[in-house]
Protein backbone atom coordinates (compact mmCIF):
# COMPACT_ATOMS: atom_id res chain seq x y z
CA MET A 1 55.14 -21.31 -19.80
CA THR A 2 52.34 -23.19 -21.24
CA LEU A 3 51.08 -21.62 -24.51
CA ILE A 4 47.78 -22.57 -26.43
CA GLU A 5 49.25 -23.81 -29.97
CA SER A 6 45.81 -24.51 -31.87
CA VAL A 7 42.40 -24.30 -32.04
CA GLU A 8 39.78 -26.83 -33.69
CA ILE A 9 35.75 -25.74 -34.14
CA GLN A 10 33.48 -28.43 -35.50
CA GLN A 11 29.81 -27.91 -35.92
CA VAL A 12 27.31 -30.83 -35.54
CA ASP A 13 23.21 -30.48 -35.82
CA LEU A 14 21.50 -32.04 -33.43
CA GLN A 15 17.66 -32.93 -33.95
CA PRO A 16 15.26 -32.16 -30.95
CA LYS A 17 14.26 -35.91 -29.66
CA VAL A 18 10.57 -34.62 -29.75
CA ARG A 19 8.45 -31.88 -31.19
CA ARG A 20 9.46 -28.70 -28.86
CA THR A 21 7.14 -25.57 -29.21
CA ASP A 22 6.30 -22.23 -26.96
CA ALA A 23 4.80 -19.31 -27.46
CA ILE A 24 6.56 -17.23 -30.26
CA GLN A 25 9.60 -20.31 -31.80
CA SER A 26 10.12 -23.93 -32.66
CA PHE A 27 13.13 -25.66 -31.70
CA VAL A 28 14.41 -26.22 -35.16
CA ALA A 29 17.56 -27.96 -34.60
CA GLN A 30 20.81 -27.77 -31.17
CA GLU A 31 23.49 -26.10 -33.18
CA THR A 32 26.05 -27.42 -31.70
CA VAL A 33 29.69 -25.81 -32.05
CA LEU A 34 32.59 -27.36 -30.05
CA LEU A 35 36.12 -25.49 -29.73
CA THR A 36 39.47 -27.30 -28.61
CA ILE A 37 42.21 -25.79 -27.86
CA ARG A 38 45.49 -27.89 -28.08
CA CYS A 39 48.27 -26.04 -25.55
CA SER A 40 52.32 -26.53 -25.86
CA ASP A 41 52.54 -28.94 -22.55
CA GLY A 42 50.37 -31.40 -24.50
CA SER A 43 47.31 -30.74 -22.65
CA THR A 44 43.78 -30.18 -24.52
CA GLY A 45 40.16 -29.15 -23.39
CA THR A 46 36.88 -28.89 -25.14
CA GLY A 47 34.00 -26.34 -24.87
CA TYR A 48 30.87 -26.17 -26.68
CA THR A 49 27.91 -23.42 -27.62
CA TYR A 50 24.81 -23.65 -29.33
CA THR A 51 21.41 -22.06 -31.31
CA ILE A 52 17.87 -23.54 -31.15
CA GLY A 53 18.55 -23.55 -34.75
CA THR A 54 19.47 -20.33 -36.15
CA GLY A 55 22.72 -18.60 -35.94
CA GLY A 56 25.08 -21.53 -36.16
CA SER A 57 27.52 -20.36 -39.00
CA SER A 58 27.51 -17.05 -37.80
CA ILE A 59 29.13 -17.99 -34.35
CA VAL A 60 31.34 -20.17 -36.30
CA ALA A 61 32.42 -17.27 -38.73
CA LEU A 62 33.00 -15.17 -35.13
CA LEU A 63 35.43 -17.67 -33.59
CA GLN A 64 37.39 -18.72 -36.92
CA ASP A 65 37.79 -15.30 -38.22
CA HIS A 66 38.22 -12.92 -34.52
CA LEU A 67 38.36 -14.89 -31.89
CA ALA A 68 40.07 -17.70 -32.19
CA PRO A 69 43.31 -16.03 -33.83
CA GLN A 70 43.78 -14.37 -30.84
CA LEU A 71 44.02 -17.37 -28.56
CA ILE A 72 47.98 -18.38 -30.25
CA GLY A 73 50.00 -18.25 -27.63
CA ARG A 74 47.86 -17.12 -24.81
CA ASN A 75 48.78 -18.75 -21.64
CA PRO A 76 45.66 -21.27 -20.91
CA ALA A 77 45.56 -21.00 -17.19
CA GLU A 78 44.66 -16.73 -17.49
CA TYR A 79 40.68 -17.54 -17.67
CA GLU A 80 39.50 -13.85 -16.96
CA ALA A 81 42.27 -12.13 -18.99
CA ILE A 82 41.59 -13.89 -21.72
CA TRP A 83 37.30 -13.32 -21.76
CA GLN A 84 38.14 -9.59 -20.82
CA HIS A 85 40.47 -9.26 -23.96
CA LEU A 86 37.97 -11.23 -26.56
CA PHE A 87 34.86 -9.40 -24.82
CA TYR A 88 36.59 -6.16 -25.69
CA HIS A 89 38.40 -7.58 -28.87
CA THR A 90 34.70 -7.60 -30.43
CA HIS A 91 33.47 -4.68 -27.87
CA ALA A 92 31.33 -3.89 -31.11
CA THR A 93 29.20 -6.09 -31.50
CA ALA A 94 28.96 -6.81 -27.50
CA VAL A 95 26.63 -7.24 -25.69
CA GLY A 96 24.61 -9.80 -27.78
CA ALA A 97 23.63 -12.83 -28.30
CA ILE A 98 26.24 -14.07 -31.09
CA THR A 99 29.20 -12.59 -29.02
CA SER A 100 28.49 -14.20 -26.00
CA LEU A 101 27.66 -17.92 -27.79
CA ALA A 102 31.22 -17.80 -29.25
CA LEU A 103 32.91 -16.50 -26.18
CA ALA A 104 31.29 -19.43 -24.47
CA ALA A 105 32.94 -22.05 -26.53
CA ILE A 106 36.38 -20.57 -25.96
CA ASP A 107 35.63 -19.94 -22.02
CA THR A 108 33.96 -23.87 -21.56
CA ALA A 109 37.60 -25.17 -23.36
CA LEU A 110 39.66 -23.07 -20.91
CA TRP A 111 37.93 -24.34 -17.79
CA ASP A 112 37.84 -28.16 -19.66
CA ARG A 113 41.81 -27.94 -19.67
CA ASN A 114 43.04 -25.89 -16.54
CA THR A 115 40.85 -28.17 -14.62
CA ARG A 116 41.80 -31.27 -16.03
CA VAL A 117 45.49 -30.55 -15.83
CA ALA A 118 44.65 -29.70 -12.00
CA GLY A 119 42.91 -33.14 -11.37
CA LEU A 120 39.32 -31.76 -10.70
CA PRO A 121 35.90 -31.90 -11.46
CA LEU A 122 33.86 -28.61 -12.51
CA TRP A 123 31.78 -28.72 -9.72
CA VAL A 124 35.17 -28.85 -7.02
CA ALA A 125 37.65 -26.23 -8.56
CA ALA A 126 34.49 -23.52 -9.07
CA GLY A 127 33.78 -23.37 -5.67
CA GLY A 128 32.09 -27.22 -4.20
CA ALA A 129 29.21 -26.71 -2.86
CA LYS A 130 26.65 -29.83 -3.23
CA PRO A 131 27.51 -32.49 -4.96
CA ARG A 132 23.80 -33.03 -6.49
CA VAL A 133 21.33 -30.34 -7.42
CA ARG A 134 16.70 -31.15 -7.79
CA THR A 135 15.93 -31.64 -11.25
CA TYR A 136 12.92 -30.47 -13.30
CA THR A 137 11.55 -31.74 -16.69
CA THR A 138 10.79 -29.45 -19.55
CA GLU A 139 10.38 -32.51 -22.20
CA GLY A 140 6.71 -33.19 -21.17
CA GLY A 141 5.44 -29.53 -21.49
CA TRP A 142 5.51 -27.83 -24.98
CA LEU A 143 2.89 -25.79 -25.50
CA HIS A 144 1.68 -28.31 -28.96
CA LEU A 145 0.12 -30.62 -26.35
CA SER A 146 -3.61 -31.32 -25.39
CA ALA A 147 -4.94 -31.26 -21.07
CA SER A 148 -4.58 -34.54 -21.25
CA GLU A 149 -1.20 -35.45 -22.98
CA LEU A 150 0.47 -32.68 -20.90
CA VAL A 151 -0.98 -34.79 -17.80
CA GLU A 152 0.09 -38.30 -18.91
CA GLN A 153 3.80 -37.04 -19.35
CA THR A 154 3.62 -34.61 -16.21
CA LEU A 155 2.78 -38.46 -14.51
CA ASN A 156 5.15 -40.11 -16.11
CA ALA A 157 8.09 -37.60 -14.64
CA GLN A 158 6.35 -38.01 -11.58
CA ASP A 159 6.39 -41.21 -11.74
CA GLU A 160 10.23 -41.41 -12.89
CA GLY A 161 11.17 -39.37 -9.59
CA PHE A 162 11.35 -35.54 -10.81
CA TYR A 163 10.60 -33.09 -8.13
CA GLY A 164 8.98 -30.65 -10.42
CA ALA A 165 7.93 -30.57 -14.48
CA LYS A 166 7.67 -27.38 -16.61
CA VAL A 167 4.69 -26.52 -18.64
CA LYS A 168 4.99 -24.10 -21.35
CA VAL A 169 2.13 -21.05 -21.10
CA GLY A 170 0.67 -18.55 -24.13
CA ARG A 171 -1.98 -19.99 -25.29
CA PRO A 172 -4.31 -17.75 -27.22
CA HIS A 173 -6.64 -17.20 -24.45
CA LEU A 174 -5.89 -16.87 -20.40
CA SER A 175 -8.96 -19.79 -19.69
CA GLU A 176 -6.95 -22.60 -22.20
CA ASP A 177 -3.93 -21.88 -20.16
CA VAL A 178 -5.51 -22.03 -16.45
CA ALA A 179 -7.30 -26.07 -17.73
CA ARG A 180 -4.41 -27.30 -18.78
CA LEU A 181 -2.46 -26.10 -15.59
CA ALA A 182 -5.62 -27.06 -13.54
CA ALA A 183 -5.36 -30.68 -15.27
CA VAL A 184 -2.08 -30.84 -14.68
CA ARG A 185 -2.31 -30.08 -10.88
CA GLU A 186 -5.40 -31.89 -9.89
CA ALA A 187 -3.54 -34.37 -11.29
CA VAL A 188 0.44 -34.69 -9.95
CA GLY A 189 -1.08 -33.58 -6.21
CA ASP A 190 0.36 -30.71 -3.95
CA ASP A 191 3.60 -31.56 -3.05
CA PHE A 192 4.85 -31.24 -7.28
CA GLU A 193 6.38 -28.48 -8.03
CA LEU A 194 5.21 -26.53 -11.28
CA MET A 195 7.30 -24.49 -13.32
CA VAL A 196 5.59 -22.11 -16.39
CA ASP A 197 7.27 -20.70 -19.28
CA ALA A 198 5.73 -17.68 -21.40
CA ASN A 199 8.67 -17.59 -23.74
CA GLN A 200 8.29 -13.44 -23.07
CA GLY A 201 4.67 -13.73 -24.82
CA PHE A 202 2.99 -11.41 -22.75
CA THR A 203 2.44 -8.14 -22.52
CA LEU A 204 2.29 -6.23 -18.90
CA GLY A 205 -1.27 -5.99 -19.07
CA GLU A 206 -1.74 -9.59 -20.71
CA ALA A 207 1.56 -10.54 -17.51
CA LEU A 208 -0.58 -9.06 -15.22
CA ARG A 209 -3.57 -10.82 -16.35
CA ARG A 210 -2.50 -14.59 -16.57
CA ALA A 211 -0.06 -14.44 -12.93
CA HIS A 212 -3.22 -13.19 -11.34
CA ALA A 213 -5.12 -16.27 -12.80
CA PHE A 214 -2.58 -18.76 -11.83
CA GLU A 215 -1.83 -17.88 -8.10
CA PRO A 216 -4.72 -20.43 -6.75
CA LEU A 217 -2.14 -22.73 -9.02
CA HIS A 218 0.51 -22.47 -6.44
CA LEU A 219 3.72 -22.42 -9.05
CA ALA A 220 7.47 -22.55 -8.32
CA TRP A 221 8.15 -19.89 -10.74
CA LEU A 222 6.76 -18.14 -13.91
CA GLU A 223 9.41 -17.92 -16.40
CA GLU A 224 10.17 -15.18 -18.97
CA PRO A 225 6.41 -13.66 -18.79
CA MET A 226 7.92 -10.50 -21.12
CA PRO A 227 10.30 -9.43 -23.39
CA ALA A 228 13.68 -9.38 -21.58
CA GLU A 229 14.27 -5.67 -21.96
CA ASN A 230 11.09 -4.64 -19.98
CA ILE A 231 13.21 -3.93 -16.50
CA ALA A 232 10.05 -1.74 -15.47
CA GLY A 233 7.31 -3.97 -16.54
CA HIS A 234 9.15 -7.09 -14.71
CA ARG A 235 9.50 -4.64 -11.60
CA GLN A 236 5.46 -4.18 -11.91
CA LEU A 237 5.10 -8.26 -11.86
CA SER A 238 6.71 -9.32 -9.28
CA ALA A 239 5.63 -6.58 -6.81
CA SER A 240 2.17 -7.35 -8.35
CA THR A 241 1.81 -11.08 -8.07
CA THR A 242 2.60 -14.19 -6.09
CA VAL A 243 3.97 -16.06 -8.21
CA PRO A 244 7.94 -15.43 -8.27
CA VAL A 245 8.81 -14.29 -11.79
CA ALA A 246 11.78 -15.85 -13.20
CA VAL A 247 14.46 -14.49 -16.17
CA GLY A 248 17.37 -14.97 -17.42
CA GLU A 249 18.09 -16.91 -20.33
CA SER A 250 17.84 -14.12 -23.02
CA MET A 251 20.34 -11.86 -21.24
CA TYR A 252 23.86 -11.60 -22.41
CA HIS A 253 26.03 -10.60 -19.45
CA PRO A 254 26.63 -10.19 -15.81
CA ALA A 255 25.28 -6.55 -15.93
CA GLN A 256 21.79 -7.00 -17.07
CA PHE A 257 21.08 -9.71 -14.16
CA ALA A 258 22.56 -6.95 -11.80
CA GLU A 259 19.85 -4.33 -13.32
CA TYR A 260 16.67 -7.18 -12.80
CA MET A 261 18.36 -7.65 -9.55
CA LYS A 262 18.82 -3.93 -7.77
CA ALA A 263 14.95 -2.71 -10.12
CA ASP A 264 13.61 -6.12 -7.89
CA ALA A 265 12.00 -6.91 -11.23
CA CYS A 266 12.89 -11.42 -10.58
CA SER A 267 12.79 -13.91 -8.13
CA ILE A 268 15.12 -16.51 -9.62
CA VAL A 269 18.02 -15.65 -12.35
CA GLN A 270 18.49 -18.01 -14.97
CA ALA A 271 21.60 -17.66 -16.61
CA ASP A 272 22.16 -19.50 -19.03
CA VAL A 273 26.63 -20.50 -19.19
CA ALA A 274 26.25 -20.33 -23.18
CA ARG A 275 24.35 -17.47 -23.41
CA VAL A 276 26.53 -15.35 -20.76
CA GLY A 277 29.69 -16.06 -22.62
CA GLY A 278 30.88 -18.90 -20.47
CA ILE A 279 31.84 -20.12 -17.10
CA THR A 280 33.61 -17.31 -15.82
CA PRO A 281 30.73 -14.97 -16.02
CA TRP A 282 27.96 -17.30 -15.06
CA LEU A 283 29.73 -17.51 -12.13
CA LYS A 284 29.67 -14.12 -11.03
CA ILE A 285 25.82 -14.09 -11.63
CA ALA A 286 25.72 -16.91 -9.43
CA HIS A 287 27.41 -15.12 -6.06
CA LEU A 288 25.80 -11.76 -7.08
CA ALA A 289 22.36 -13.70 -6.95
CA GLU A 290 23.33 -15.09 -3.81
CA ALA A 291 24.47 -11.82 -2.57
CA MET A 292 21.17 -10.55 -2.87
CA ASN A 293 18.98 -14.00 -1.57
CA ILE A 294 18.27 -14.98 -5.62
CA ALA A 295 17.85 -18.34 -5.95
CA ILE A 296 19.95 -18.76 -9.40
CA CYS A 297 18.07 -21.76 -11.80
CA PRO A 298 19.39 -22.04 -14.96
CA HIS A 299 18.26 -22.59 -18.49
CA PHE A 300 18.85 -25.63 -20.79
CA LEU A 301 22.54 -27.59 -21.13
CA MET A 302 22.22 -29.82 -18.32
CA GLU A 303 25.60 -31.24 -19.26
CA LEU A 304 27.30 -28.70 -17.86
CA HIS A 305 24.28 -26.35 -15.50
CA VAL A 306 24.72 -29.48 -13.38
CA SER A 307 28.64 -29.09 -12.37
CA LEU A 308 28.17 -25.46 -12.10
CA CYS A 309 24.62 -25.57 -9.81
CA ALA A 310 26.63 -27.87 -7.46
CA ALA A 311 29.43 -25.25 -7.19
CA VAL A 312 27.42 -22.62 -5.82
CA PRO A 313 25.04 -22.44 -2.76
CA ASN A 314 22.37 -20.94 -4.18
CA SER A 315 21.25 -23.31 -6.76
CA ALA A 316 18.04 -24.86 -6.54
CA TRP A 317 17.08 -26.75 -10.23
CA VAL A 318 19.04 -28.22 -13.17
CA GLU A 319 16.86 -28.39 -16.28
CA TYR A 320 16.36 -32.00 -17.54
CA ILE A 321 16.01 -31.80 -21.19
CA PRO A 322 18.29 -34.39 -22.76
CA GLN A 323 20.03 -33.34 -25.85
CA LEU A 324 23.85 -34.19 -25.93
CA ASP A 325 23.15 -37.92 -25.86
CA THR A 326 24.34 -38.94 -29.33
CA LEU A 327 27.53 -37.51 -29.53
CA THR A 328 28.39 -38.55 -25.18
CA GLY A 329 29.15 -41.86 -23.71
CA SER A 330 28.04 -41.06 -21.00
CA ARG A 331 24.22 -39.20 -19.63
CA VAL A 332 23.89 -36.86 -16.47
CA ARG A 333 23.70 -39.42 -13.81
CA ILE A 334 19.97 -38.80 -11.65
CA GLU A 335 19.51 -40.20 -8.29
CA GLN A 336 16.06 -40.29 -6.69
CA GLY A 337 15.26 -37.02 -8.53
CA TYR A 338 18.87 -35.17 -7.82
CA ALA A 339 21.48 -34.62 -10.93
CA VAL A 340 24.37 -35.56 -9.75
CA ALA A 341 27.53 -33.58 -10.62
CA PRO A 342 30.58 -35.23 -12.20
CA GLY A 343 33.59 -36.93 -10.41
CA GLU A 344 35.69 -37.08 -13.13
CA PRO A 345 38.08 -34.17 -13.65
CA GLY A 346 37.32 -31.63 -16.31
CA LEU A 347 33.62 -30.33 -17.17
CA GLY A 348 31.93 -33.87 -16.67
CA ILE A 349 31.43 -34.28 -20.49
CA ASP A 350 32.20 -37.85 -22.32
CA TRP A 351 32.39 -36.49 -25.67
CA ASP A 352 32.12 -39.21 -28.22
CA TRP A 353 34.75 -38.17 -31.62
CA GLN A 354 33.79 -41.13 -33.54
CA ALA A 355 30.65 -39.77 -33.76
CA ILE A 356 31.15 -36.31 -33.98
CA ARG A 357 33.52 -36.15 -36.47
CA ALA A 358 30.70 -38.04 -38.29
CA ASN A 359 28.00 -35.98 -38.43
CA GLN A 360 29.91 -32.62 -38.11
CA HIS A 361 29.79 -30.24 -41.40
CA VAL A 362 32.01 -27.64 -40.19
CA ASN A 363 35.85 -28.90 -38.83
CA VAL A 364 38.05 -25.55 -39.02
CA THR A 365 41.64 -25.29 -37.25
CA VAL A 366 43.39 -21.77 -36.04
CA GLY A 367 47.15 -22.00 -35.90
CA THR A 368 49.31 -22.97 -38.38
CA ARG A 369 53.24 -24.47 -37.23
CA ALA A 370 54.03 -21.19 -38.98
CA ALA A 371 52.32 -19.42 -36.97
CA ARG A 372 53.12 -20.90 -33.86
CA VAL A 373 56.29 -19.76 -34.50
CA ALA A 374 55.68 -17.03 -35.11
CA VAL A 375 53.83 -16.42 -31.84
CA ARG A 376 57.14 -18.45 -30.07
CA GLY A 377 59.65 -15.75 -31.84
CA ALA A 378 62.12 -18.62 -32.76
């Protein structure tokens, strides 16, 4: 039986390609934590996780001190058993962002290794529903941009073949949001989708007021209008507006998505594969949403989500935000506004290990030879 012998953990911090601001925060840096498992049969798999500027060192510590040692001597093919074991091993810190982000690094590495060994691309191994998914861009819609800048960048996205674009909302007064959105809508026409994202910045009263004002603009969705903990508020909002309500990037376990869906508190779920703990729980969320006739339109991490969206039938969009280009030898392939799932076995991410080594500021390995011998009982 094949066993995991060692786990390597690296961290590389990536600067955003453009200034990114929303209603409550700025994207400071993508703290990218990579995890590579090495197995007794010579096979390997690499996964990763991220933050937008805080918590990277905490994820590394949780992996190094508590989670990676639990992998030594395990069968890498046992996705579910490993995920459940690690989840309960860290039960005192779950459900929460740091634990889920750390679990994701491990789970994505397992899927990478196992699909490579099977000779299957991730999107086929996880379901194989369709080879491509529509894309929308978020790179031109940041909150600090003027109306004229929003128009220019959204028109550029339209010219590049995207089917939609996201615009951040949450300016101090409702009239500012409406004016910016109206200018963009007039410029791009009615057949181009506009998504808006409040990043949890509104109270219930303000969310109701702004959603009503946004209705004539025929938006694809209103994303994270309120804090994610407020299920009752989202249910009231969903029942009060024709604008679809999208939630999920600030939720960390399938059960949280289930509560929203049971309460009719959203129309779209946006599970982030890193923030929910990896591919194993992401697929559960996607299929739960499918059973409830709800679309999944995941948040960020397009390099992973293109394959996951291609795996399931109820995915509607892949969010385009390029971030890994400096660490990979290939980019997500976009054809006529659709993201095409990679055909290579594994996750489909071509890591540039020379660039990673040149930019890493953390590199630790768990699983010495002595530890491997002890696990095998030799």
